Amino acid sequence: MHGAGHVKIAITTNSLTEVDAGFANAGQVVVYDVSAKTSEFLDCIQFRGGARKKLAPGESKKGPGGGKGCAMDDLTNGVTTDRMAERVEALDGCSVLFTLGLSDLHAVHVKRRGIFPVKMEKSRSVDDVVESLQTMLKNNPPLWLRRALRGSSGQAVELGSQTE
């Protein structure tokens, strides 16, 4: 977080303009610093091998020797522990994650980092997400956003006295 009344957010995206990807298969994450009156693009973090390989029609998830695939594949959406750790670590310093999809296992790891995950119901433009967040910051922020604003310090943030 960059100061009082600011929140650093991460947004999962494949297009760079919309929240259009889930956490496990996003090609990149864009990071913004947002306050009630300003927003600043900070970074774009790209992931190698972003999306899980899709199976051809009639193809099954068979492991070596024709056995069934790993049961954990369903929980992690095919993302290995190393790739999951890479994605979670990429969010370091962020307070909120906006994503189109997030497994329970990924949500646990994200929350352990002190990042509040927001699972979107449908794709939205990055600009719309930032504007909605600014509106919440200007008015009466919900509890999850007030907690995100506190960050690691735990100190309450005065929103009404911003002069940006």
Protein backbone atom coordinates (compact mmCIF):
# COMPACT_ATOMS: atom_id res chain seq x y z
CA MET A 1 0.00 0.00 0.00
CA HIS A 2 1.30 3.40 -0.93
CA GLY A 3 -0.28 5.54 1.75
CA ALA A 4 -3.41 6.38 3.70
CA GLY A 5 -6.56 5.74 1.72
CA HIS A 6 -4.73 3.79 -0.99
CA VAL A 7 -5.23 0.15 -1.84
CA LYS A 8 -2.99 -1.92 -4.11
CA ILE A 9 -5.07 -4.29 -6.22
CA ALA A 10 -4.33 -7.17 -8.57
CA ILE A 11 -6.58 -8.12 -11.49
CA THR A 12 -6.37 -11.42 -13.40
CA THR A 13 -6.57 -10.92 -17.14
CA ASN A 14 -5.74 -12.37 -20.52
CA SER A 15 -6.67 -9.26 -22.53
CA LEU A 16 -5.08 -6.61 -20.25
CA THR A 17 -8.32 -4.60 -20.47
CA GLU A 18 -10.82 -6.86 -18.69
CA VAL A 19 -11.14 -9.16 -15.71
CA ASP A 20 -11.51 -12.08 -18.08
CA ALA A 21 -9.52 -14.95 -16.53
CA GLY A 22 -9.51 -17.08 -13.44
CA PHE A 23 -6.56 -17.08 -11.07
CA ALA A 24 -5.24 -20.47 -12.18
CA ASN A 25 -5.32 -19.81 -15.92
CA ALA A 26 -4.66 -16.08 -16.26
CA GLY A 27 -1.91 -15.11 -18.66
CA GLN A 28 -1.11 -12.12 -16.51
CA VAL A 29 -2.06 -10.01 -13.52
CA VAL A 30 -2.21 -6.23 -13.73
CA VAL A 31 -1.53 -4.25 -10.56
CA TYR A 32 -2.95 -0.82 -9.69
CA ASP A 33 -2.69 1.60 -6.79
CA VAL A 34 -6.15 3.04 -6.19
CA SER A 35 -7.39 5.87 -3.97
CA ALA A 36 -10.76 7.63 -3.88
CA LYS A 37 -9.58 10.18 -6.47
CA THR A 38 -6.68 8.60 -8.34
CA SER A 39 -5.52 5.34 -9.83
CA GLU A 40 -2.11 4.40 -11.10
CA PHE A 41 -1.07 1.40 -13.17
CA LEU A 42 1.92 -0.17 -11.39
CA ASP A 43 2.82 -3.43 -13.10
CA CYS A 44 1.87 -6.28 -15.39
CA ILE A 45 3.04 -9.68 -14.20
CA GLN A 46 3.06 -12.34 -16.90
CA PHE A 47 2.96 -16.06 -16.20
CA ARG A 48 4.68 -18.69 -18.28
CA GLY A 49 2.30 -21.40 -19.45
CA GLY A 50 -0.74 -19.49 -18.19
CA ALA A 51 -3.57 -21.73 -19.23
CA ARG A 52 -4.01 -25.40 -18.58
CA LYS A 53 -3.94 -27.53 -21.73
CA LYS A 54 -7.45 -28.22 -22.97
CA LEU A 55 -8.33 -31.78 -23.90
CA ALA A 56 -9.53 -32.68 -27.36
CA PRO A 57 -13.10 -34.03 -27.65
CA GLY A 58 -13.15 -37.64 -26.47
CA GLU A 59 -9.71 -37.37 -24.81
CA SER A 60 -9.55 -38.22 -21.11
CA LYS A 61 -7.31 -37.18 -18.23
CA LYS A 62 -5.29 -40.38 -18.03
CA GLY A 63 -1.99 -40.56 -16.27
CA PRO A 64 0.92 -42.86 -17.15
CA GLY A 65 -0.16 -46.46 -17.67
CA GLY A 66 -3.75 -45.45 -18.47
CA GLY A 67 -4.64 -44.67 -14.84
CA LYS A 68 -6.79 -41.80 -13.70
CA GLY A 69 -5.30 -38.31 -13.38
CA CYS A 70 -4.32 -36.89 -10.01
CA ALA A 71 -7.31 -36.11 -7.80
CA MET A 72 -5.68 -32.80 -6.83
CA ASP A 73 -6.00 -31.62 -10.47
CA ASP A 74 -9.67 -30.89 -9.83
CA LEU A 75 -8.90 -28.86 -6.68
CA THR A 76 -6.12 -26.80 -8.23
CA ASN A 77 -7.55 -26.50 -11.74
CA GLY A 78 -4.46 -28.32 -13.04
CA VAL A 79 -2.01 -25.84 -11.53
CA THR A 80 0.92 -27.51 -9.79
CA THR A 81 1.99 -26.44 -6.32
CA ASP A 82 5.04 -24.63 -7.76
CA ARG A 83 2.94 -22.72 -10.28
CA MET A 84 0.38 -21.89 -7.61
CA ALA A 85 3.10 -20.59 -5.30
CA GLU A 86 4.47 -18.48 -8.17
CA ARG A 87 1.06 -16.94 -8.78
CA VAL A 88 0.40 -16.25 -5.10
CA GLU A 89 3.87 -14.75 -4.62
CA ALA A 90 3.26 -12.46 -7.61
CA LEU A 91 0.49 -10.80 -5.57
CA ASP A 92 2.92 -9.77 -2.84
CA GLY A 93 2.12 -6.28 -1.58
CA CYS A 94 -1.44 -6.32 -2.93
CA SER A 95 -4.43 -6.08 -0.62
CA VAL A 96 -7.22 -7.17 -2.99
CA LEU A 97 -7.39 -9.65 -5.88
CA PHE A 98 -10.14 -9.32 -8.49
CA THR A 99 -10.55 -12.50 -10.51
CA LEU A 100 -13.09 -14.33 -12.65
CA GLY A 101 -12.52 -17.65 -10.89
CA LEU A 102 -10.70 -18.95 -7.85
CA SER A 103 -10.60 -22.45 -6.38
CA ASP A 104 -11.02 -22.90 -2.64
CA LEU A 105 -7.41 -24.05 -2.36
CA HIS A 106 -6.11 -20.95 -4.16
CA ALA A 107 -8.36 -18.72 -2.04
CA VAL A 108 -6.84 -20.15 1.14
CA HIS A 109 -3.30 -19.41 -0.09
CA VAL A 110 -4.25 -15.91 -1.23
CA LYS A 111 -5.93 -15.12 2.11
CA ARG A 112 -2.90 -16.39 4.04
CA ARG A 113 -0.92 -13.62 2.33
CA GLY A 114 -3.38 -11.07 3.69
CA ILE A 115 -5.00 -10.51 0.28
CA PHE A 116 -8.78 -10.31 0.03
CA PRO A 117 -10.01 -12.27 -3.02
CA VAL A 118 -13.01 -10.91 -4.95
CA LYS A 119 -14.49 -13.47 -7.33
CA MET A 120 -16.31 -11.69 -10.14
CA GLU A 121 -19.56 -13.18 -11.51
CA LYS A 122 -18.84 -12.04 -15.05
CA SER A 123 -16.16 -10.32 -17.07
CA ARG A 124 -15.81 -6.56 -16.48
CA SER A 125 -13.44 -3.94 -17.80
CA VAL A 126 -10.44 -3.06 -15.64
CA ASP A 127 -11.52 0.60 -15.76
CA ASP A 128 -14.98 -0.35 -14.44
CA VAL A 129 -13.44 -2.30 -11.53
CA VAL A 130 -11.17 0.63 -10.64
CA GLU A 131 -14.06 3.14 -10.85
CA SER A 132 -16.30 0.94 -8.68
CA LEU A 133 -13.54 0.65 -6.11
CA GLN A 134 -13.06 4.43 -6.11
CA THR A 135 -16.79 4.93 -5.55
CA MET A 136 -16.64 2.57 -2.56
CA LEU A 137 -13.63 4.47 -1.19
CA LYS A 138 -15.44 7.83 -1.55
CA ASN A 139 -18.55 6.65 0.22
CA ASN A 140 -18.77 4.20 3.09
CA PRO A 141 -16.36 1.35 2.23
CA PRO A 142 -17.57 -2.14 3.10
CA LEU A 143 -15.80 -3.95 5.94
CA TRP A 144 -13.61 -6.06 3.60
CA LEU A 145 -12.30 -2.90 1.93
CA ARG A 146 -11.65 -1.13 5.24
CA ARG A 147 -9.62 -4.16 6.33
CA ALA A 148 -7.70 -4.10 3.03
CA LEU A 149 -6.92 -0.41 3.59
CA ARG A 150 -5.46 -1.18 7.01
CA GLY A 151 -2.97 -3.55 5.46
CA SER A 152 -0.29 -5.01 7.67
CA SER A 153 -0.26 -2.04 10.08
CA GLY A 154 -3.74 -2.79 11.42
CA GLN A 155 -4.31 0.95 11.91
CA ALA A 156 -7.64 2.42 10.88
CA VAL A 157 -7.49 4.77 7.88
CA GLU A 158 -9.25 8.13 7.80
CA LEU A 159 -11.03 8.36 4.46
CA GLY A 160 -12.82 11.66 4.83
CA SER A 161 -9.67 13.78 5.14
CA GLN A 162 -8.02 12.86 1.84
CA THR A 163 -6.58 15.79 -0.08
CA GLU A 164 -5.40 14.07 -3.28
